[in-house]
């Protein structure tokens, strides 16, 4: 099979590898599409992600495809089934798993981070991480079940109530998905802070009530006339935007730090004025624990318009520039398509 292999920081190679064979509890998936995530870019640059990774690594944790073969202990999946993947395989035995906090599993396998992932024509996945999808859900949209699941967990953590106002800092693919989920959850108004003009325009197209350029406008002044924001979500993951999220939050608001920063990042807070006087709730969101079925239900009913998120579909053999050319990062969600380029929403 053809695979895109990360052999060292900033070194990607297209390699011909033996097709993996499924173990007793695994299925072999022929990958139709795999999304490129910010975590993949962190791994490419040698910065690490949510889990420790080793080289060589086949990245890619946002993928869907068709079951090709099954292990002898697999009974609920069969060749030809259309599936998506939750890339986080929880052990089910450690104390966090047994306490219901599977996202903190002490023995987690991460497809695309600690085990071979979806930047390949085929990938072996434990049956517990595989979800059948309904016929009306196309595979290139199902590939994005994982980032939508992460966003849904983040929204669950943000204490959003129907009628609330929401502020998003950053409007890349994650901000885009979160804005749509917030609308589904009953947000009455949406404000967006985004430095890139093309992404600001996308926010306007999706119905944002206030869209700000942080370099030419004063967000605090603009939000003063916009009115209170009950939920602030930082999608950028930078110390400056996290601090901005806290400073712009209204009294009694929830601030949810969603964007993936680096382990060395530090955030300076003034507890009395930033937290105590405003009664802020400051929280985070880590991966996507057990929400994939909810996401499949949303996607199958077109509750999230992923064609507003996906900007490029690229063959696996043409994928290296996605990581080396920074212009791709300004665009939106990119799908790598090992099985060939599908028409938008066609498979």
C-alpha atoms as a PDB file:
ATOM      1  CA  UNK A   1       0.000   0.000   0.000  1.00  0.00           C
ATOM      2  CA  UNK A   2       0.973   3.644  -0.371  1.00  0.00           C
ATOM      3  CA  UNK A   3       1.496   5.526   2.893  1.00  0.00           C
ATOM      4  CA  UNK A   4       2.678   8.968   3.941  1.00  0.00           C
ATOM      5  CA  UNK A   5       5.290   8.337   6.620  1.00  0.00           C
ATOM      6  CA  UNK A   6       6.756  10.866   9.055  1.00  0.00           C
ATOM      7  CA  UNK A   7      10.330   9.649   9.551  1.00  0.00           C
ATOM      8  CA  UNK A   8      11.687  12.648  11.501  1.00  0.00           C
ATOM      9  CA  UNK A   9      10.583  16.205  12.300  1.00  0.00           C
ATOM     10  CA  UNK A  10       9.667  17.955   9.040  1.00  0.00           C
ATOM     11  CA  UNK A  11      10.512  14.861   6.997  1.00  0.00           C
ATOM     12  CA  UNK A  12       7.629  13.159   5.219  1.00  0.00           C
ATOM     13  CA  UNK A  13       8.062  10.358   2.706  1.00  0.00           C
ATOM     14  CA  UNK A  14       5.677   8.529   0.400  1.00  0.00           C
ATOM     15  CA  UNK A  15       6.473   4.859   0.899  1.00  0.00           C
ATOM     16  CA  UNK A  16       5.267   1.545  -0.464  1.00  0.00           C
ATOM     17  CA  UNK A  17       4.581  -0.645   2.574  1.00  0.00           C
ATOM     18  CA  UNK A  18       3.086  -4.098   3.065  1.00  0.00           C
ATOM     19  CA  UNK A  19      -0.638  -3.947   3.612  1.00  0.00           C
ATOM     20  CA  UNK A  20      -1.293  -4.585   7.328  1.00  0.00           C
ATOM     21  CA  UNK A  21      -3.169  -7.705   8.372  1.00  0.00           C
ATOM     22  CA  UNK A  22      -5.934  -7.405  10.988  1.00  0.00           C
ATOM     23  CA  UNK A  23      -5.525  -9.093  14.357  1.00  0.00           C
ATOM     24  CA  UNK A  24      -8.366 -11.104  15.899  1.00  0.00           C
ATOM     25  CA  UNK A  25     -10.259  -8.009  17.146  1.00  0.00           C
ATOM     26  CA  UNK A  26      -9.283  -5.653  14.324  1.00  0.00           C
ATOM     27  CA  UNK A  27     -10.729  -4.623  10.996  1.00  0.00           C
ATOM     28  CA  UNK A  28      -8.757  -3.575   7.933  1.00  0.00           C
ATOM     29  CA  UNK A  29     -10.185  -0.325   6.598  1.00  0.00           C
ATOM     30  CA  UNK A  30      -9.662   0.890   3.042  1.00  0.00           C
ATOM     31  CA  UNK A  31      -9.314   4.607   3.721  1.00  0.00           C
ATOM     32  CA  UNK A  32     -11.479   6.885   1.585  1.00  0.00           C
ATOM     33  CA  UNK A  33     -10.581  10.219   3.186  1.00  0.00           C
ATOM     34  CA  UNK A  34      -8.510  11.503   6.098  1.00  0.00           C
ATOM     35  CA  UNK A  35      -8.529  15.045   7.418  1.00  0.00           C
ATOM     36  CA  UNK A  36      -5.374  17.022   8.182  1.00  0.00           C
ATOM     37  CA  UNK A  37      -5.511  18.348  11.739  1.00  0.00           C
ATOM     38  CA  UNK A  38      -3.521  20.952  13.625  1.00  0.00           C
ATOM     39  CA  UNK A  39      -2.157  18.066  15.682  1.00  0.00           C
ATOM     40  CA  UNK A  40      -0.680  16.580  12.486  1.00  0.00           C
ATOM     41  CA  UNK A  41       1.104  19.871  11.856  1.00  0.00           C
ATOM     42  CA  UNK A  42       2.428  19.875  15.434  1.00  0.00           C
ATOM     43  CA  UNK A  43       3.716  16.322  14.936  1.00  0.00           C
ATOM     44  CA  UNK A  44       5.244  17.229  11.576  1.00  0.00           C
ATOM     45  CA  UNK A  45       7.151  20.083  13.209  1.00  0.00           C
ATOM     46  CA  UNK A  46       8.355  17.862  16.059  1.00  0.00           C
ATOM     47  CA  UNK A  47       6.291  19.721  18.657  1.00  0.00           C
ATOM     48  CA  UNK A  48       4.265  16.729  19.803  1.00  0.00           C
ATOM     49  CA  UNK A  49       0.526  16.403  20.266  1.00  0.00           C
ATOM     50  CA  UNK A  50      -1.825  15.181  22.962  1.00  0.00           C
ATOM     51  CA  UNK A  51       0.094  11.876  23.172  1.00  0.00           C
ATOM     52  CA  UNK A  52       3.770  10.943  22.908  1.00  0.00           C
ATOM     53  CA  UNK A  53       4.649   9.763  19.399  1.00  0.00           C
ATOM     54  CA  UNK A  54       7.588   7.906  17.916  1.00  0.00           C
ATOM     55  CA  UNK A  55       9.115   7.754  14.436  1.00  0.00           C
ATOM     56  CA  UNK A  56       8.413   6.416  11.910  1.00  0.00           C
ATOM     57  CA  UNK A  57       4.732   7.309  12.142  1.00  0.00           C
ATOM     58  CA  UNK A  58       1.798   7.181   9.750  1.00  0.00           C
ATOM     59  CA  UNK A  59      -0.206  10.170  10.939  1.00  0.00           C
ATOM     60  CA  UNK A  60      -3.871  10.861  10.305  1.00  0.00           C
ATOM     61  CA  UNK A  61      -6.578  10.422  12.944  1.00  0.00           C
ATOM     62  CA  UNK A  62      -9.630  11.851  11.144  1.00  0.00           C
ATOM     63  CA  UNK A  63     -10.646   9.124   8.721  1.00  0.00           C
ATOM     64  CA  UNK A  64     -13.391   6.996   7.251  1.00  0.00           C
ATOM     65  CA  UNK A  65     -13.577   4.244   4.689  1.00  0.00           C
ATOM     66  CA  UNK A  66     -14.816   0.759   3.899  1.00  0.00           C
ATOM     67  CA  UNK A  67     -14.120  -2.442   5.793  1.00  0.00           C
ATOM     68  CA  UNK A  68     -11.888  -4.667   3.678  1.00  0.00           C
ATOM     69  CA  UNK A  69     -11.158  -7.575   6.037  1.00  0.00           C
ATOM     70  CA  UNK A  70     -12.073  -8.522   9.602  1.00  0.00           C
ATOM     71  CA  UNK A  71     -10.334 -10.489  12.339  1.00  0.00           C
ATOM     72  CA  UNK A  72     -11.758 -13.794  13.528  1.00  0.00           C
ATOM     73  CA  UNK A  73     -13.216 -12.300  16.736  1.00  0.00           C
ATOM     74  CA  UNK A  74     -15.093  -9.512  14.897  1.00  0.00           C
ATOM     75  CA  UNK A  75     -18.794 -10.287  14.486  1.00  0.00           C
ATOM     76  CA  UNK A  76     -20.608  -6.942  14.138  1.00  0.00           C
ATOM     77  CA  UNK A  77     -18.628  -5.641  11.157  1.00  0.00           C
ATOM     78  CA  UNK A  78     -18.155  -7.193   7.729  1.00  0.00           C
ATOM     79  CA  UNK A  79     -16.373  -6.413   4.442  1.00  0.00           C
ATOM     80  CA  UNK A  80     -18.144  -3.632   2.597  1.00  0.00           C
ATOM     81  CA  UNK A  81     -19.403  -1.833   5.696  1.00  0.00           C
ATOM     82  CA  UNK A  82     -18.965   1.943   5.527  1.00  0.00           C
ATOM     83  CA  UNK A  83     -17.331   3.167   8.727  1.00  0.00           C
ATOM     84  CA  UNK A  84     -15.685   6.049  10.526  1.00  0.00           C
ATOM     85  CA  UNK A  85     -13.163   5.844  13.343  1.00  0.00           C
ATOM     86  CA  UNK A  86     -12.793   7.224  16.837  1.00  0.00           C
ATOM     87  CA  UNK A  87      -8.982   7.237  16.873  1.00  0.00           C
ATOM     88  CA  UNK A  88      -8.723   7.019  20.666  1.00  0.00           C
ATOM     89  CA  UNK A  89      -8.835   3.413  21.853  1.00  0.00           C
ATOM     90  CA  UNK A  90      -9.457   3.298  25.604  1.00  0.00           C
ATOM     91  CA  UNK A  91      -8.269   0.328  27.651  1.00  0.00           C
ATOM     92  CA  UNK A  92     -11.442   0.157  29.751  1.00  0.00           C
ATOM     93  CA  UNK A  93      -9.525  -1.206  32.757  1.00  0.00           C
ATOM     94  CA  UNK A  94      -7.608   1.665  34.348  1.00  0.00           C
ATOM     95  CA  UNK A  95      -9.089   3.807  37.109  1.00  0.00           C
ATOM     96  CA  UNK A  96     -10.044   6.770  34.841  1.00  0.00           C
ATOM     97  CA  UNK A  97     -11.807   4.422  32.409  1.00  0.00           C
ATOM     98  CA  UNK A  98     -13.641   2.630  35.223  1.00  0.00           C
ATOM     99  CA  UNK A  99     -14.657   6.020  36.672  1.00  0.00           C
ATOM    100  CA  UNK A 100     -16.171   7.199  33.397  1.00  0.00           C
ATOM    101  CA  UNK A 101     -13.317   9.530  32.381  1.00  0.00           C
ATOM    102  CA  UNK A 102     -12.071   7.577  29.372  1.00  0.00           C
ATOM    103  CA  UNK A 103     -10.330  10.641  27.928  1.00  0.00           C
ATOM    104  CA  UNK A 104      -7.768  10.236  30.718  1.00  0.00           C
ATOM    105  CA  UNK A 105      -7.137   6.543  29.997  1.00  0.00           C
ATOM    106  CA  UNK A 106      -3.700   5.560  31.233  1.00  0.00           C
ATOM    107  CA  UNK A 107      -3.108   3.049  28.418  1.00  0.00           C
ATOM    108  CA  UNK A 108      -4.683   4.776  25.446  1.00  0.00           C
ATOM    109  CA  UNK A 109      -3.833   3.913  21.852  1.00  0.00           C
ATOM    110  CA  UNK A 110      -4.132   6.795  19.410  1.00  0.00           C
ATOM    111  CA  UNK A 111      -4.463   5.879  15.743  1.00  0.00           C
ATOM    112  CA  UNK A 112      -2.389   8.408  13.826  1.00  0.00           C
ATOM    113  CA  UNK A 113      -0.484   9.490  16.949  1.00  0.00           C
ATOM    114  CA  UNK A 114       0.825   6.395  18.752  1.00  0.00           C
ATOM    115  CA  UNK A 115      -0.252   3.768  16.169  1.00  0.00           C
ATOM    116  CA  UNK A 116      -0.435   3.856  12.351  1.00  0.00           C
ATOM    117  CA  UNK A 117      -3.239   6.101  11.157  1.00  0.00           C
ATOM    118  CA  UNK A 118      -5.189   7.136   8.091  1.00  0.00           C
ATOM    119  CA  UNK A 119      -2.566   8.766   5.862  1.00  0.00           C
ATOM    120  CA  UNK A 120      -2.393   5.470   4.001  1.00  0.00           C
ATOM    121  CA  UNK A 121      -4.474   3.371   1.654  1.00  0.00           C
ATOM    122  CA  UNK A 122      -5.262   0.887   4.442  1.00  0.00           C
ATOM    123  CA  UNK A 123      -5.321   1.000   8.244  1.00  0.00           C
ATOM    124  CA  UNK A 124      -5.974  -1.679  10.883  1.00  0.00           C
ATOM    125  CA  UNK A 125      -8.235  -0.524  13.720  1.00  0.00           C
ATOM    126  CA  UNK A 126      -9.621  -2.298  16.772  1.00  0.00           C
ATOM    127  CA  UNK A 127     -13.332  -2.970  16.330  1.00  0.00           C
ATOM    128  CA  UNK A 128     -14.104  -0.915  19.474  1.00  0.00           C
ATOM    129  CA  UNK A 129     -12.998   2.242  17.660  1.00  0.00           C
ATOM    130  CA  UNK A 130     -15.029   1.589  14.508  1.00  0.00           C
ATOM    131  CA  UNK A 131     -18.550   2.949  13.907  1.00  0.00           C
ATOM    132  CA  UNK A 132     -20.849   1.975  11.063  1.00  0.00           C
ATOM    133  CA  UNK A 133     -22.397   4.970   9.338  1.00  0.00           C
ATOM    134  CA  UNK A 134     -25.817   5.262   7.653  1.00  0.00           C
ATOM    135  CA  UNK A 135     -26.125   5.247   3.883  1.00  0.00           C
ATOM    136  CA  UNK A 136     -27.022   8.935   3.649  1.00  0.00           C
ATOM    137  CA  UNK A 137     -23.751  10.017   5.278  1.00  0.00           C
ATOM    138  CA  UNK A 138     -20.959  10.301   2.708  1.00  0.00           C
ATOM    139  CA  UNK A 139     -17.529   8.993   3.658  1.00  0.00           C
ATOM    140  CA  UNK A 140     -15.618  12.228   3.129  1.00  0.00           C
ATOM    141  CA  UNK A 141     -17.934  13.919   5.635  1.00  0.00           C
ATOM    142  CA  UNK A 142     -17.789  10.937   8.002  1.00  0.00           C
ATOM    143  CA  UNK A 143     -14.004  11.334   8.027  1.00  0.00           C
ATOM    144  CA  UNK A 144     -14.539  14.527  10.005  1.00  0.00           C
ATOM    145  CA  UNK A 145     -16.535  12.830  12.760  1.00  0.00           C
ATOM    146  CA  UNK A 146     -13.469  13.083  15.021  1.00  0.00           C
ATOM    147  CA  UNK A 147     -12.952  16.873  14.872  1.00  0.00           C
ATOM    148  CA  UNK A 148     -16.698  17.414  15.135  1.00  0.00           C
ATOM    149  CA  UNK A 149     -16.676  15.100  18.179  1.00  0.00           C
ATOM    150  CA  UNK A 150     -13.886  17.109  19.776  1.00  0.00           C
ATOM    151  CA  UNK A 151     -15.894  20.274  19.171  1.00  0.00           C
ATOM    152  CA  UNK A 152     -19.054  18.713  20.578  1.00  0.00           C
ATOM    153  CA  UNK A 153     -17.241  17.709  23.769  1.00  0.00           C
ATOM    154  CA  UNK A 154     -15.841  21.238  23.966  1.00  0.00           C
ATOM    155  CA  UNK A 155     -19.314  22.685  23.600  1.00  0.00           C
ATOM    156  CA  UNK A 156     -20.558  20.330  26.316  1.00  0.00           C
ATOM    157  CA  UNK A 157     -17.840  21.800  28.542  1.00  0.00           C
ATOM    158  CA  UNK A 158     -18.736  25.421  27.712  1.00  0.00           C
ATOM    159  CA  UNK A 159     -22.048  25.599  29.637  1.00  0.00           C
ATOM    160  CA  UNK A 160     -23.868  27.037  26.632  1.00  0.00           C
ATOM    161  CA  UNK A 161     -27.590  27.549  27.215  1.00  0.00           C
ATOM    162  CA  UNK A 162     -30.255  28.409  24.629  1.00  0.00           C
ATOM    163  CA  UNK A 163     -30.338  32.163  24.181  1.00  0.00           C
ATOM    164  CA  UNK A 164     -26.714  32.714  25.218  1.00  0.00           C
ATOM    165  CA  UNK A 165     -24.263  34.857  23.295  1.00  0.00           C
ATOM    166  CA  UNK A 166     -20.995  33.247  22.201  1.00  0.00           C
ATOM    167  CA  UNK A 167     -17.579  34.678  21.346  1.00  0.00           C
ATOM    168  CA  UNK A 168     -15.182  32.569  19.269  1.00  0.00           C
ATOM    169  CA  UNK A 169     -11.530  33.544  19.018  1.00  0.00           C
ATOM    170  CA  UNK A 170     -10.256  32.047  15.774  1.00  0.00           C
ATOM    171  CA  UNK A 171     -12.350  30.860  12.838  1.00  0.00           C
ATOM    172  CA  UNK A 172     -10.410  28.062  11.251  1.00  0.00           C
ATOM    173  CA  UNK A 173     -12.097  24.683  10.737  1.00  0.00           C
ATOM    174  CA  UNK A 174     -12.585  24.252  14.501  1.00  0.00           C
ATOM    175  CA  UNK A 175     -14.125  27.694  14.954  1.00  0.00           C
ATOM    176  CA  UNK A 176     -16.340  27.041  11.942  1.00  0.00           C
ATOM    177  CA  UNK A 177     -17.609  23.732  13.366  1.00  0.00           C
ATOM    178  CA  UNK A 178     -18.074  25.206  16.839  1.00  0.00           C
ATOM    179  CA  UNK A 179     -20.081  28.093  15.421  1.00  0.00           C
ATOM    180  CA  UNK A 180     -22.474  25.669  13.727  1.00  0.00           C
ATOM    181  CA  UNK A 181     -22.773  23.495  16.831  1.00  0.00           C
ATOM    182  CA  UNK A 182     -23.407  26.572  18.959  1.00  0.00           C
ATOM    183  CA  UNK A 183     -26.239  27.539  16.639  1.00  0.00           C
ATOM    184  CA  UNK A 184     -27.682  24.029  16.925  1.00  0.00           C
ATOM    185  CA  UNK A 185     -27.453  24.327  20.724  1.00  0.00           C
ATOM    186  CA  UNK A 186     -29.497  27.534  20.733  1.00  0.00           C
ATOM    187  CA  UNK A 187     -26.929  30.348  20.816  1.00  0.00           C
ATOM    188  CA  UNK A 188     -28.755  33.577  20.053  1.00  0.00           C
ATOM    189  CA  UNK A 189     -25.795  35.657  18.871  1.00  0.00           C
ATOM    190  CA  UNK A 190     -22.262  34.940  17.732  1.00  0.00           C
ATOM    191  CA  UNK A 191     -19.190  37.185  17.720  1.00  0.00           C
ATOM    192  CA  UNK A 192     -15.931  36.154  16.051  1.00  0.00           C
ATOM    193  CA  UNK A 193     -12.379  37.485  16.316  1.00  0.00           C
ATOM    194  CA  UNK A 194     -10.231  36.372  13.374  1.00  0.00           C
ATOM    195  CA  UNK A 195      -7.123  37.972  11.830  1.00  0.00           C
ATOM    196  CA  UNK A 196      -7.430  36.467   8.310  1.00  0.00           C
ATOM    197  CA  UNK A 197      -9.767  38.285   5.940  1.00  0.00           C
ATOM    198  CA  UNK A 198     -10.901  35.145   4.087  1.00  0.00           C
ATOM    199  CA  UNK A 199     -11.897  33.461   7.342  1.00  0.00           C
ATOM    200  CA  UNK A 200     -13.692  36.595   8.552  1.00  0.00           C
ATOM    201  CA  UNK A 201     -15.710  36.522   5.345  1.00  0.00           C
ATOM    202  CA  UNK A 202     -16.557  32.874   5.935  1.00  0.00           C
ATOM    203  CA  UNK A 203     -17.786  33.728   9.432  1.00  0.00           C
ATOM    204  CA  UNK A 204     -20.050  36.378   7.951  1.00  0.00           C
ATOM    205  CA  UNK A 205     -21.415  33.917   5.376  1.00  0.00           C
ATOM    206  CA  UNK A 206     -22.291  31.510   8.178  1.00  0.00           C
ATOM    207  CA  UNK A 207     -24.264  34.184   9.980  1.00  0.00           C
ATOM    208  CA  UNK A 208     -21.944  35.626  12.645  1.00  0.00           C
ATOM    209  CA  UNK A 209     -23.463  38.786  14.102  1.00  0.00           C
ATOM    210  CA  UNK A 210     -20.141  40.529  14.790  1.00  0.00           C
ATOM    211  CA  UNK A 211     -16.831  39.768  13.043  1.00  0.00           C
ATOM    212  CA  UNK A 212     -13.687  41.549  14.214  1.00  0.00           C
ATOM    213  CA  UNK A 213     -10.155  41.992  12.920  1.00  0.00           C
ATOM    214  CA  UNK A 214      -7.966  42.087  16.055  1.00  0.00           C
ATOM    215  CA  UNK A 215      -5.261  44.066  14.250  1.00  0.00           C
ATOM    216  CA  UNK A 216      -7.442  46.964  13.111  1.00  0.00           C
ATOM    217  CA  UNK A 217     -10.293  46.941  15.636  1.00  0.00           C
ATOM    218  CA  UNK A 218     -10.564  47.090  19.412  1.00  0.00           C
ATOM    219  CA  UNK A 219     -12.450  43.920  20.427  1.00  0.00           C
ATOM    220  CA  UNK A 220     -13.198  45.217  23.930  1.00  0.00           C
ATOM    221  CA  UNK A 221     -14.751  48.409  22.569  1.00  0.00           C
ATOM    222  CA  UNK A 222     -16.749  46.592  19.898  1.00  0.00           C
ATOM    223  CA  UNK A 223     -18.035  43.990  22.350  1.00  0.00           C
ATOM    224  CA  UNK A 224     -19.089  46.726  24.771  1.00  0.00           C
ATOM    225  CA  UNK A 225     -21.762  47.734  22.266  1.00  0.00           C
ATOM    226  CA  UNK A 226     -22.482  44.135  21.212  1.00  0.00           C
ATOM    227  CA  UNK A 227     -23.516  43.203  24.726  1.00  0.00           C
ATOM    228  CA  UNK A 228     -22.537  40.499  27.241  1.00  0.00           C
ATOM    229  CA  UNK A 229     -21.018  37.245  26.025  1.00  0.00           C
ATOM    230  CA  UNK A 230     -21.936  34.259  28.178  1.00  0.00           C
ATOM    231  CA  UNK A 231     -19.537  31.767  26.590  1.00  0.00           C
ATOM    232  CA  UNK A 232     -16.059  32.513  25.236  1.00  0.00           C
ATOM    233  CA  UNK A 233     -14.196  29.786  23.333  1.00  0.00           C
ATOM    234  CA  UNK A 234     -10.553  30.195  22.388  1.00  0.00           C
ATOM    235  CA  UNK A 235      -9.866  28.146  19.262  1.00  0.00           C
ATOM    236  CA  UNK A 236      -6.381  29.501  18.588  1.00  0.00           C
ATOM    237  CA  UNK A 237      -4.487  27.957  21.500  1.00  0.00           C
ATOM    238  CA  UNK A 238      -1.970  30.742  21.958  1.00  0.00           C
ATOM    239  CA  UNK A 239      -1.141  32.402  25.290  1.00  0.00           C
ATOM    240  CA  UNK A 240      -2.220  35.778  23.962  1.00  0.00           C
ATOM    241  CA  UNK A 241      -5.602  34.573  22.724  1.00  0.00           C
ATOM    242  CA  UNK A 242      -6.237  32.630  25.935  1.00  0.00           C
ATOM    243  CA  UNK A 243      -5.574  35.763  27.985  1.00  0.00           C
ATOM    244  CA  UNK A 244      -7.807  37.704  25.609  1.00  0.00           C
ATOM    245  CA  UNK A 245     -10.603  35.165  26.136  1.00  0.00           C
ATOM    246  CA  UNK A 246     -10.462  35.748  29.894  1.00  0.00           C
ATOM    247  CA  UNK A 247     -10.311  39.522  29.593  1.00  0.00           C
ATOM    248  CA  UNK A 248     -13.249  39.751  27.154  1.00  0.00           C
ATOM    249  CA  UNK A 249     -15.547  37.385  29.060  1.00  0.00           C
ATOM    250  CA  UNK A 250     -18.548  39.031  30.702  1.00  0.00           C
ATOM    251  CA  UNK A 251     -19.406  38.576  34.359  1.00  0.00           C
ATOM    252  CA  UNK A 252     -20.558  35.044  35.122  1.00  0.00           C
ATOM    253  CA  UNK A 253     -19.318  33.708  31.782  1.00  0.00           C
ATOM    254  CA  UNK A 254     -17.649  30.390  31.006  1.00  0.00           C
ATOM    255  CA  UNK A 255     -14.275  30.558  29.241  1.00  0.00           C
ATOM    256  CA  UNK A 256     -13.393  27.353  27.418  1.00  0.00           C
ATOM    257  CA  UNK A 257      -9.804  26.919  26.248  1.00  0.00           C
ATOM    258  CA  UNK A 258     -10.147  24.632  23.252  1.00  0.00           C
ATOM    259  CA  UNK A 259      -7.130  25.386  21.050  1.00  0.00           C
ATOM    260  CA  UNK A 260      -4.127  23.099  21.460  1.00  0.00           C
ATOM    261  CA  UNK A 261      -1.183  25.079  22.791  1.00  0.00           C
ATOM    262  CA  UNK A 262       2.282  23.822  23.606  1.00  0.00           C
ATOM    263  CA  UNK A 263       3.337  22.282  26.902  1.00  0.00           C
ATOM    264  CA  UNK A 264       5.745  25.140  27.557  1.00  0.00           C
ATOM    265  CA  UNK A 265       3.076  27.851  27.192  1.00  0.00           C
ATOM    266  CA  UNK A 266       2.223  29.931  30.251  1.00  0.00           C
ATOM    267  CA  UNK A 267      -0.838  32.028  30.954  1.00  0.00           C
ATOM    268  CA  UNK A 268      -0.691  35.005  33.336  1.00  0.00           C
ATOM    269  CA  UNK A 269      -3.918  35.593  35.255  1.00  0.00           C
ATOM    270  CA  UNK A 270      -4.890  38.056  37.961  1.00  0.00           C
ATOM    271  CA  UNK A 271      -7.166  35.925  40.140  1.00  0.00           C
ATOM    272  CA  UNK A 272      -8.881  38.828  41.885  1.00  0.00           C
ATOM    273  CA  UNK A 273      -9.867  40.864  38.835  1.00  0.00           C
ATOM    274  CA  UNK A 274      -9.918  38.120  36.187  1.00  0.00           C
ATOM    275  CA  UNK A 275     -11.722  35.364  38.063  1.00  0.00           C
ATOM    276  CA  UNK A 276     -13.000  36.397  41.500  1.00  0.00           C
ATOM    277  CA  UNK A 277     -14.656  39.714  40.665  1.00  0.00           C
ATOM    278  CA  UNK A 278     -16.220  38.366  37.471  1.00  0.00           C
ATOM    279  CA  UNK A 279     -17.142  34.897  38.821  1.00  0.00           C
ATOM    280  CA  UNK A 280     -15.704  33.308  35.694  1.00  0.00           C
ATOM    281  CA  UNK A 281     -15.647  29.592  35.063  1.00  0.00           C
ATOM    282  CA  UNK A 282     -12.403  28.638  33.316  1.00  0.00           C
ATOM    283  CA  UNK A 283     -12.303  25.203  31.717  1.00  0.00           C
ATOM    284  CA  UNK A 284     -10.659  23.123  29.001  1.00  0.00           C
ATOM    285  CA  UNK A 285     -11.568  20.321  26.648  1.00  0.00           C
ATOM    286  CA  UNK A 286      -9.487  17.198  26.002  1.00  0.00           C
ATOM    287  CA  UNK A 287     -10.181  14.992  22.961  1.00  0.00           C
ATOM    288  CA  UNK A 288     -13.615  13.474  22.301  1.00  0.00           C
ATOM    289  CA  UNK A 289     -14.812  11.002  24.942  1.00  0.00           C
ATOM    290  CA  UNK A 290     -17.715   8.820  23.781  1.00  0.00           C
ATOM    291  CA  UNK A 291     -19.565  11.365  21.666  1.00  0.00           C
ATOM    292  CA  UNK A 292     -19.014   9.829  18.208  1.00  0.00           C
ATOM    293  CA  UNK A 293     -22.508   8.348  17.967  1.00  0.00           C
ATOM    294  CA  UNK A 294     -24.051  11.763  18.672  1.00  0.00           C
ATOM    295  CA  UNK A 295     -21.870  13.242  15.928  1.00  0.00           C
ATOM    296  CA  UNK A 296     -22.890  10.591  13.390  1.00  0.00           C
ATOM    297  CA  UNK A 297     -26.538  11.415  14.150  1.00  0.00           C
ATOM    298  CA  UNK A 298     -25.885  15.119  13.552  1.00  0.00           C
ATOM    299  CA  UNK A 299     -23.932  14.588  10.329  1.00  0.00           C
ATOM    300  CA  UNK A 300     -26.399  12.078   8.916  1.00  0.00           C
ATOM    301  CA  UNK A 301     -29.127  14.713   9.282  1.00  0.00           C
ATOM    302  CA  UNK A 302     -27.040  17.515   7.750  1.00  0.00           C
ATOM    303  CA  UNK A 303     -27.026  19.533  10.962  1.00  0.00           C
ATOM    304  CA  UNK A 304     -23.417  20.568  10.236  1.00  0.00           C
ATOM    305  CA  UNK A 305     -22.530  21.895   6.776  1.00  0.00           C
ATOM    306  CA  UNK A 306     -19.083  20.378   6.274  1.00  0.00           C
ATOM    307  CA  UNK A 307     -18.802  21.769   2.747  1.00  0.00           C
ATOM    308  CA  UNK A 308     -18.373  25.120   4.518  1.00  0.00           C
ATOM    309  CA  UNK A 309     -15.403  23.579   6.357  1.00  0.00           C
ATOM    310  CA  UNK A 310     -13.631  21.482   3.693  1.00  0.00           C
ATOM    311  CA  UNK A 311     -11.584  23.584   1.277  1.00  0.00           C
ATOM    312  CA  UNK A 312      -9.366  21.008  -0.456  1.00  0.00           C
ATOM    313  CA  UNK A 313      -9.438  17.334  -1.413  1.00  0.00           C
ATOM    314  CA  UNK A 314      -5.942  16.153  -2.283  1.00  0.00           C
ATOM    315  CA  UNK A 315      -4.603  12.771  -3.339  1.00  0.00           C
ATOM    316  CA  UNK A 316      -2.180  11.069  -0.989  1.00  0.00           C
ATOM    317  CA  UNK A 317       0.598  11.226  -3.587  1.00  0.00           C
ATOM    318  CA  UNK A 318       0.280  15.041  -3.730  1.00  0.00           C
ATOM    319  CA  UNK A 319       0.033  15.573   0.035  1.00  0.00           C
ATOM    320  CA  UNK A 320       3.529  16.625   1.138  1.00  0.00           C
ATOM    321  CA  UNK A 321       3.067  20.324   0.188  1.00  0.00           C
ATOM    322  CA  UNK A 322       0.099  20.470   2.577  1.00  0.00           C
ATOM    323  CA  UNK A 323       2.675  20.310   5.396  1.00  0.00           C
ATOM    324  CA  UNK A 324       5.468  22.361   3.823  1.00  0.00           C
ATOM    325  CA  UNK A 325       3.512  25.179   2.150  1.00  0.00           C
ATOM    326  CA  UNK A 326       2.013  27.517   4.766  1.00  0.00           C
ATOM    327  CA  UNK A 327      -0.599  28.767   2.295  1.00  0.00           C
ATOM    328  CA  UNK A 328      -2.601  25.578   2.865  1.00  0.00           C
ATOM    329  CA  UNK A 329      -2.947  26.426   6.558  1.00  0.00           C
ATOM    330  CA  UNK A 330      -4.687  29.683   5.723  1.00  0.00           C
ATOM    331  CA  UNK A 331      -7.437  27.923   3.798  1.00  0.00           C
ATOM    332  CA  UNK A 332      -9.476  25.490   5.873  1.00  0.00           C
ATOM    333  CA  UNK A 333      -9.924  21.754   6.360  1.00  0.00           C
ATOM    334  CA  UNK A 334      -7.949  19.609   3.927  1.00  0.00           C
ATOM    335  CA  UNK A 335      -8.872  16.020   3.155  1.00  0.00           C
ATOM    336  CA  UNK A 336      -6.272  13.542   1.921  1.00  0.00           C
ATOM    337  CA  UNK A 337      -7.920  10.955  -0.293  1.00  0.00           C
ATOM    338  CA  UNK A 338      -5.949   7.704  -0.666  1.00  0.00           C
ATOM    339  CA  UNK A 339      -8.756   6.111  -2.672  1.00  0.00           C
ATOM    340  CA  UNK A 340      -8.881   8.932  -5.242  1.00  0.00           C
ATOM    341  CA  UNK A 341     -10.586  12.322  -5.243  1.00  0.00           C
ATOM    342  CA  UNK A 342     -14.320  12.141  -4.570  1.00  0.00           C
ATOM    343  CA  UNK A 343     -16.761  14.763  -5.682  1.00  0.00           C
ATOM    344  CA  UNK A 344     -17.833  16.889  -2.708  1.00  0.00           C
ATOM    345  CA  UNK A 345     -20.091  14.821  -0.485  1.00  0.00           C
ATOM    346  CA  UNK A 346     -20.382  12.025  -3.034  1.00  0.00           C
ATOM    347  CA  UNK A 347     -19.213   8.863  -1.271  1.00  0.00           C
END
